Amino acid sequence: MKAVITGILLFTVACSSNSSGDPSGTGGSGNSGGMGGSGGSNNPSTCGTAHPTLLYTAPATLLRGPVVDDQFVYVLEGISKITKVPKAGGTGSAVATASYPLLDANSRLYLDGNTLYYSDNQDLFSVPKAGGTPTSLVMSASSVATGIDPLFAMDDQFLYFGDKVSNDTGDALGTVNKLPKTGGAATVLASKQAGPGAIAVDDSNVYWVNEGTIDSNLDSKLTGGIGSIPKAGGTAKVLFSAKTDGTGISPAIADLIPNGSDLFFSSINAQELSNVGEYKIAKAGGTPVSFSDCPTLGAFILNGSLYADCGDRISKFDLTTGSETVLVCFPTLEGSFGMTHDAGHIYYAKTDHPAKPSDDNPYGLYSIPLE
């Protein structure tokens, strides 16, 4: 049985308009899977310090979870297609077709060498980036809940993933696991977890977010939290537990980012918007500290800054002062669906509001300079 799926909230705000565009970019022609980028900063409404370049357009087809190598940006197109687009923009080429629909709003590609990885919420797959048929490396032990979370992690040897095993009564049966990149038997590192996902690793430990479980009536049974365990195995540690009454900080299935002795994580509590944003907690556990109002849909740390896809904008936050530099932001009803980067640019996918209400929503793949 294929697992049901979940999503993540998108927060959007209005931005200032700039319809002039920047004609300096280059692009290519379209194909049946989508149109090539026309080049330049032709996003009809933008703000921030960066000038976006449109690389690729997919009319009425969702683009998510980009990842990049030295030549191409690889992106999930629609609910089953993996497409690669030249980093300078142009025609998209099909890499593979997923065996089952990728319906989770958090669906994402990962790249290691010549291999792409992704989860369809039930299996964790690999596929050559040059193209081919996806291979299932491991299957979820769950037939009820969301299964293998699409946000996982890797090091030189292993893939680390959360399996949201549950049942009709909403018991905490989830596991945190490691799996050789080449496939084989998975090792359970931690069990009895309440919906584990958003896996992150450093040199010694695995970290994850528990989003909680639900019963067959869709009632929440357990609160969320953050946990850790040594990569080699051992005793799982609770770093933070959300309040049992549903108030306060509520860790979300979004990027969990180790940095030095700290972890950065997102909180999304629709009942208390004052507790929506990015927080920092010591890897040893303790009380989270508010960092920004940006709940990340993709983030990375580089050169003393946290770069974050906030849904309504992409910003750079100074790790010491917390000061924000908005790189690009998006109009109301538009929003981004994850980002990636190389040494010189950030690449992101977003919805582009149609020119007329009757038009199909186009989705675009863009790049901005890495400031």
Protein backbone atom coordinates (compact mmCIF):
# COMPACT_ATOMS: atom_id res chain seq x y z
CA MET A 1 0.00 0.00 0.00
CA LYS A 2 1.39 3.40 -0.93
CA ALA A 3 1.44 5.88 1.94
CA VAL A 4 -0.61 9.04 2.20
CA ILE A 5 1.24 12.34 2.07
CA THR A 6 1.56 15.59 3.93
CA GLY A 7 2.67 19.09 3.02
CA ILE A 8 4.06 22.25 4.54
CA LEU A 9 2.56 25.70 4.84
CA LEU A 10 3.71 28.46 2.52
CA PHE A 11 3.84 32.00 3.86
CA THR A 12 3.58 34.80 1.30
CA VAL A 13 3.66 38.57 1.55
CA ALA A 14 3.30 41.30 -1.01
CA CYS A 15 6.45 42.68 -2.58
CA SER A 16 7.10 45.76 -4.64
CA SER A 17 6.66 45.54 -8.39
CA ASN A 18 9.36 45.84 -10.99
CA SER A 19 8.16 45.01 -14.47
CA SER A 20 11.14 46.31 -16.33
CA GLY A 21 13.18 43.12 -16.16
CA ASP A 22 16.86 42.61 -16.86
CA PRO A 23 17.54 41.53 -20.42
CA SER A 24 21.11 40.48 -19.76
CA GLY A 25 20.50 36.75 -19.35
CA THR A 26 20.48 34.05 -21.97
CA GLY A 27 17.99 31.28 -22.55
CA GLY A 28 16.85 28.57 -24.90
CA SER A 29 13.90 27.15 -26.72
CA GLY A 30 11.15 25.04 -25.19
CA ASN A 31 10.23 21.38 -25.59
CA SER A 32 7.20 19.25 -24.86
CA GLY A 33 8.14 18.97 -21.20
CA GLY A 34 8.27 22.72 -20.67
CA MET A 35 9.58 25.89 -22.24
CA GLY A 36 13.18 26.99 -22.05
CA GLY A 37 14.11 30.12 -20.15
CA SER A 38 13.91 33.32 -22.08
CA GLY A 39 16.82 34.75 -20.17
CA GLY A 40 17.15 37.77 -17.98
CA SER A 41 15.23 39.00 -15.01
CA ASN A 42 11.75 38.75 -16.50
CA ASN A 43 10.00 37.90 -13.27
CA PRO A 44 7.16 40.47 -13.44
CA SER A 45 7.43 41.48 -9.79
CA THR A 46 10.49 41.33 -7.60
CA CYS A 47 12.35 43.06 -4.81
CA GLY A 48 15.63 42.59 -3.01
CA THR A 49 19.28 43.02 -3.91
CA ALA A 50 19.54 40.23 -6.51
CA HIS A 51 18.44 40.19 -10.15
CA PRO A 52 16.77 36.85 -10.98
CA THR A 53 17.43 35.03 -14.24
CA LEU A 54 14.70 32.75 -15.57
CA LEU A 55 16.22 29.42 -16.62
CA TYR A 56 13.20 27.29 -17.43
CA THR A 57 9.40 27.49 -17.48
CA ALA A 58 6.94 24.64 -17.02
CA PRO A 59 3.36 25.79 -17.77
CA ALA A 60 0.84 24.40 -15.26
CA THR A 61 3.41 21.92 -13.95
CA LEU A 62 4.84 22.17 -10.45
CA LEU A 63 8.63 22.43 -10.06
CA ARG A 64 10.19 21.37 -6.73
CA GLY A 65 13.32 20.24 -4.92
CA PRO A 66 16.17 21.39 -7.20
CA VAL A 67 19.74 20.14 -6.88
CA VAL A 68 22.79 21.13 -8.93
CA ASP A 69 26.08 19.78 -10.29
CA ASP A 70 28.74 21.49 -12.41
CA GLN A 71 26.55 21.60 -15.55
CA PHE A 72 22.87 21.16 -14.75
CA VAL A 73 20.07 21.92 -12.33
CA TYR A 74 17.97 18.82 -11.67
CA VAL A 75 14.37 19.44 -10.64
CA LEU A 76 11.19 17.48 -9.94
CA GLU A 77 8.66 18.43 -12.61
CA GLY A 78 5.00 17.65 -12.05
CA ILE A 79 4.36 14.58 -9.90
CA SER A 80 6.67 12.08 -11.55
CA LYS A 81 9.26 13.58 -13.89
CA ILE A 82 12.89 14.39 -13.11
CA THR A 83 14.20 17.07 -15.49
CA LYS A 84 17.64 18.58 -15.97
CA VAL A 85 18.18 22.13 -17.18
CA PRO A 86 21.50 23.76 -18.17
CA LYS A 87 22.70 26.10 -15.44
CA ALA A 88 22.72 28.96 -17.93
CA GLY A 89 19.11 28.22 -18.88
CA GLY A 90 17.59 26.56 -21.90
CA THR A 91 15.83 23.37 -22.89
CA GLY A 92 14.91 20.85 -20.19
CA SER A 93 15.71 17.18 -20.73
CA ALA A 94 14.00 14.21 -19.07
CA VAL A 95 16.24 12.19 -16.73
CA ALA A 96 13.77 9.70 -15.30
CA THR A 97 10.17 9.07 -14.36
CA ALA A 98 9.33 8.24 -10.77
CA SER A 99 7.69 4.87 -10.22
CA TYR A 100 4.90 6.42 -8.11
CA PRO A 101 3.54 9.97 -7.85
CA LEU A 102 5.59 12.44 -5.78
CA LEU A 103 2.77 14.26 -4.02
CA ASP A 104 4.49 15.60 -0.91
CA ALA A 105 5.02 19.37 -0.96
CA ASN A 106 8.49 18.72 0.51
CA SER A 107 9.58 16.33 -2.27
CA ARG A 108 13.24 16.94 -3.05
CA LEU A 109 16.17 15.60 -5.02
CA TYR A 110 19.59 14.83 -3.53
CA LEU A 111 22.79 14.33 -5.50
CA ASP A 112 25.96 12.41 -4.70
CA GLY A 113 28.49 12.04 -7.49
CA ASN A 114 26.63 10.53 -10.43
CA THR A 115 23.55 9.43 -8.50
CA LEU A 116 20.30 11.20 -7.64
CA TYR A 117 18.22 10.16 -4.64
CA TYR A 118 14.61 10.89 -3.65
CA SER A 119 11.72 9.45 -1.61
CA ASP A 120 8.12 8.99 -2.74
CA ASN A 121 7.09 8.65 0.94
CA GLN A 122 7.15 4.87 0.72
CA ASP A 123 10.45 3.88 -0.93
CA LEU A 124 13.83 5.62 -1.06
CA PHE A 125 15.08 5.56 -4.65
CA SER A 126 18.31 6.10 -6.55
CA VAL A 127 18.67 6.87 -10.25
CA PRO A 128 21.73 7.74 -12.40
CA LYS A 129 21.84 11.47 -13.12
CA ALA A 130 22.63 10.58 -16.74
CA GLY A 131 19.20 8.94 -16.94
CA GLY A 132 17.67 5.55 -16.33
CA THR A 133 15.13 3.65 -14.29
CA PRO A 134 14.87 4.44 -10.56
CA THR A 135 15.96 1.66 -8.19
CA SER A 136 14.26 1.16 -4.82
CA LEU A 137 16.93 1.01 -2.11
CA VAL A 138 14.59 0.50 0.84
CA MET A 139 10.85 0.44 1.49
CA SER A 140 8.96 1.94 4.42
CA ALA A 141 7.75 -0.39 7.16
CA SER A 142 4.52 1.62 7.33
CA SER A 143 1.27 0.96 5.51
CA VAL A 144 -0.69 3.70 7.30
CA ALA A 145 1.29 6.89 7.89
CA THR A 146 3.51 8.95 5.61
CA GLY A 147 6.39 6.49 5.40
CA ILE A 148 9.92 7.60 4.47
CA ASP A 149 10.17 11.37 4.82
CA PRO A 150 11.45 13.14 1.67
CA LEU A 151 13.94 15.19 3.73
CA PHE A 152 16.85 12.87 4.48
CA ALA A 153 20.64 13.21 4.69
CA MET A 154 23.87 11.50 3.64
CA ASP A 155 27.56 11.29 4.41
CA ASP A 156 30.38 9.51 2.55
CA GLN A 157 28.94 6.03 3.10
CA PHE A 158 25.35 6.12 4.26
CA LEU A 159 21.90 7.59 3.69
CA TYR A 160 20.03 8.54 6.86
CA PHE A 161 16.23 8.66 6.79
CA GLY A 162 13.17 8.83 8.99
CA ASP A 163 10.40 6.28 8.56
CA LYS A 164 7.06 7.53 9.94
CA VAL A 165 5.66 4.14 10.91
CA SER A 166 2.29 4.48 12.60
CA ASN A 167 -1.06 2.76 13.03
CA ASP A 168 -4.75 3.64 13.35
CA THR A 169 -4.36 4.60 17.01
CA GLY A 170 -1.43 6.95 16.32
CA ASP A 171 1.21 5.12 18.35
CA ALA A 172 4.80 6.36 18.08
CA LEU A 173 6.36 3.61 15.98
CA GLY A 174 8.61 5.69 13.73
CA THR A 175 12.27 4.88 13.20
CA VAL A 176 15.48 6.72 12.29
CA ASN A 177 17.67 4.59 10.03
CA LYS A 178 20.90 4.43 8.08
CA LEU A 179 21.37 2.64 4.78
CA PRO A 180 24.45 2.03 2.60
CA LYS A 181 24.30 4.27 -0.47
CA THR A 182 24.64 1.21 -2.67
CA GLY A 183 21.64 -0.43 -1.04
CA GLY A 184 21.32 -3.40 1.28
CA ALA A 185 19.88 -3.79 4.74
CA ALA A 186 18.91 -0.68 6.69
CA THR A 187 20.02 -0.32 10.30
CA VAL A 188 17.52 1.08 12.80
CA LEU A 189 19.27 3.68 14.95
CA ALA A 190 16.27 4.94 16.94
CA SER A 191 12.76 3.53 17.35
CA LYS A 192 9.45 4.64 18.94
CA GLN A 193 9.69 8.08 17.33
CA ALA A 194 6.65 10.29 16.65
CA GLY A 195 6.85 10.99 12.91
CA PRO A 196 10.61 11.48 12.31
CA GLY A 197 11.85 13.51 9.34
CA ALA A 198 14.05 16.46 8.35
CA ILE A 199 17.14 14.37 8.99
CA ALA A 200 20.53 16.09 9.40
CA VAL A 201 23.99 14.77 10.22
CA ASP A 202 27.35 16.06 11.37
CA ASP A 203 30.60 14.14 11.91
CA SER A 204 29.27 12.22 14.92
CA ASN A 205 25.50 12.36 15.21
CA VAL A 206 22.15 12.11 13.45
CA TYR A 207 19.47 14.72 14.23
CA TRP A 208 15.79 14.74 13.36
CA VAL A 209 12.46 16.49 13.88
CA ASN A 210 9.47 14.57 15.25
CA GLU A 211 6.33 16.16 13.80
CA GLY A 212 3.98 14.02 15.91
CA THR A 213 1.48 11.35 14.90
CA ILE A 214 -2.21 11.23 14.07
CA ASP A 215 -4.84 8.54 14.52
CA SER A 216 -7.33 7.24 11.97
CA ASN A 217 -9.61 10.20 12.75
CA LEU A 218 -6.78 12.61 11.90
CA ASP A 219 -6.55 13.69 15.55
CA SER A 220 -3.08 14.61 16.81
CA LYS A 221 -1.86 12.08 19.35
CA LEU A 222 1.67 13.15 20.24
CA THR A 223 3.59 16.40 20.26
CA GLY A 224 6.65 17.06 18.15
CA GLY A 225 10.23 17.59 19.13
CA ILE A 226 13.88 17.23 18.15
CA GLY A 227 16.09 14.19 18.78
CA SER A 228 19.63 12.98 18.24
CA ILE A 229 21.61 9.74 18.32
CA PRO A 230 25.23 8.80 17.50
CA LYS A 231 25.79 7.62 13.92
CA ALA A 232 27.28 4.42 15.26
CA GLY A 233 24.15 3.76 17.31
CA GLY A 234 23.38 4.12 21.00
CA THR A 235 20.77 5.86 23.10
CA ALA A 236 18.45 8.39 21.46
CA LYS A 237 18.35 11.77 23.18
CA VAL A 238 15.48 14.23 23.30
CA LEU A 239 16.82 17.73 22.64
CA PHE A 240 13.46 19.49 22.76
CA SER A 241 9.81 18.55 23.28
CA ALA A 242 6.91 20.74 22.19
CA LYS A 243 4.21 21.65 24.72
CA THR A 244 1.48 19.09 25.17
CA ASP A 245 -1.28 21.71 24.85
CA GLY A 246 -0.24 22.61 21.29
CA THR A 247 1.02 26.10 22.15
CA GLY A 248 4.50 27.52 21.81
CA ILE A 249 7.35 26.39 19.56
CA SER A 250 6.34 23.60 17.18
CA PRO A 251 9.28 22.10 15.21
CA ALA A 252 8.34 21.62 11.56
CA ILE A 253 9.42 19.13 8.94
CA ALA A 254 11.77 21.57 7.21
CA ASP A 255 15.53 21.88 6.93
CA LEU A 256 17.36 21.05 10.16
CA ILE A 257 20.84 22.57 9.95
CA PRO A 258 23.83 21.74 12.17
CA ASN A 259 26.29 24.58 12.70
CA GLY A 260 29.11 24.30 15.22
CA SER A 261 27.51 23.44 18.56
CA ASP A 262 24.01 24.49 17.44
CA LEU A 263 21.08 23.35 15.34
CA PHE A 264 18.81 25.66 13.35
CA PHE A 265 15.20 24.55 12.87
CA SER A 266 11.83 25.94 11.77
CA SER A 267 8.74 26.31 13.92
CA ILE A 268 5.31 26.47 12.30
CA ASN A 269 2.40 26.84 14.72
CA ALA A 270 -0.69 28.07 12.89
CA GLN A 271 -2.44 28.72 16.21
CA GLU A 272 0.29 31.07 17.45
CA LEU A 273 1.95 33.03 14.68
CA SER A 274 4.34 34.55 17.21
CA ASN A 275 5.99 31.12 17.29
CA VAL A 276 6.47 30.87 13.52
CA GLY A 277 10.04 31.28 12.33
CA GLU A 278 13.60 30.00 12.61
CA TYR A 279 15.05 28.97 15.97
CA LYS A 280 18.43 27.89 17.28
CA ILE A 281 19.05 25.18 19.88
CA ALA A 282 22.23 23.69 21.30
CA LYS A 283 23.10 20.24 19.96
CA ALA A 284 23.19 19.10 23.58
CA GLY A 285 19.58 20.23 24.02
CA GLY A 286 18.01 23.05 25.98
CA THR A 287 15.78 26.05 25.37
CA PRO A 288 15.43 27.21 21.76
CA VAL A 289 16.29 30.82 20.94
CA SER A 290 14.39 32.78 18.28
CA PHE A 291 16.57 33.65 15.29
CA SER A 292 14.24 35.05 12.59
CA ASP A 293 10.62 35.10 11.40
CA CYS A 294 11.52 32.89 8.42
CA PRO A 295 10.31 29.26 8.48
CA THR A 296 12.64 27.71 5.92
CA LEU A 297 11.62 25.68 2.88
CA GLY A 298 15.31 25.21 2.11
CA ALA A 299 18.41 26.58 3.80
CA PHE A 300 22.18 26.32 4.02
CA ILE A 301 24.99 27.99 5.96
CA LEU A 302 27.96 29.55 4.19
CA ASN A 303 30.60 32.12 5.18
CA GLY A 304 28.96 33.14 8.44
CA SER A 305 25.45 33.50 7.00
CA LEU A 306 22.27 31.44 6.92
CA TYR A 307 20.70 31.50 3.45
CA ALA A 308 17.01 30.69 3.74
CA ASP A 309 14.10 30.11 1.40
CA CYS A 310 11.23 31.59 3.43
CA GLY A 311 8.53 30.83 0.85
CA ASP A 312 7.76 34.51 0.29
CA ARG A 313 11.42 35.50 -0.12
CA ILE A 314 15.00 34.25 -0.18
CA SER A 315 17.21 36.02 2.35
CA LYS A 316 20.66 35.99 3.89
CA PHE A 317 20.87 36.19 7.70
CA ASP A 318 24.07 37.09 9.55
CA LEU A 319 24.68 34.29 12.07
CA THR A 320 26.12 36.66 14.66
CA THR A 321 23.71 39.58 14.52
CA GLY A 322 20.68 37.98 12.88
CA SER A 323 20.43 40.91 10.47
CA GLU A 324 18.59 40.09 7.23
CA THR A 325 19.44 40.94 3.64
CA VAL A 326 16.56 40.15 1.28
CA LEU A 327 17.99 38.73 -1.94
CA VAL A 328 14.69 38.30 -3.76
CA CYS A 329 11.03 38.28 -2.71
CA PHE A 330 7.83 37.23 -4.40
CA PRO A 331 4.40 38.76 -4.91
CA THR A 332 1.29 37.55 -3.13
CA LEU A 333 0.04 34.20 -4.54
CA GLU A 334 3.52 33.40 -5.76
CA GLY A 335 6.04 31.47 -3.70
CA SER A 336 9.13 29.31 -3.94
CA PHE A 337 9.41 25.55 -3.55
CA GLY A 338 12.95 24.99 -2.33
CA MET A 339 16.42 26.02 -3.41
CA THR A 340 19.94 24.75 -3.95
CA HIS A 341 23.27 26.41 -4.67
CA ASP A 342 26.77 26.08 -6.11
CA ALA A 343 29.83 28.26 -5.58
CA GLY A 344 28.36 31.23 -7.44
CA HIS A 345 24.56 31.04 -7.58
CA ILE A 346 21.37 30.08 -5.81
CA TYR A 347 18.81 28.16 -7.86
CA TYR A 348 15.14 28.07 -6.87
CA ALA A 349 11.76 26.98 -8.22
CA LYS A 350 8.61 29.05 -7.78
CA THR A 351 5.10 29.54 -9.02
CA ASP A 352 4.57 32.51 -11.34
CA HIS A 353 1.18 34.20 -11.15
CA PRO A 354 -0.66 33.99 -14.50
CA ALA A 355 -1.22 37.08 -16.60
CA LYS A 356 -4.96 36.36 -16.66
CA PRO A 357 -7.09 34.40 -14.17
CA SER A 358 -8.04 31.99 -16.95
CA ASP A 359 -4.42 31.08 -17.65
CA ASP A 360 -2.76 27.97 -16.22
CA ASN A 361 -0.24 28.79 -13.52
CA PRO A 362 3.30 28.56 -14.90
CA TYR A 363 6.20 27.50 -12.70
CA GLY A 364 9.71 28.79 -13.19
CA LEU A 365 13.26 27.77 -12.35
CA TYR A 366 15.45 30.80 -11.54
CA SER A 367 18.98 31.66 -10.49
CA ILE A 368 20.39 34.60 -8.53
CA PRO A 369 24.01 35.40 -7.67
CA LEU A 370 25.23 34.02 -4.35
CA GLU A 371 26.00 37.17 -2.41
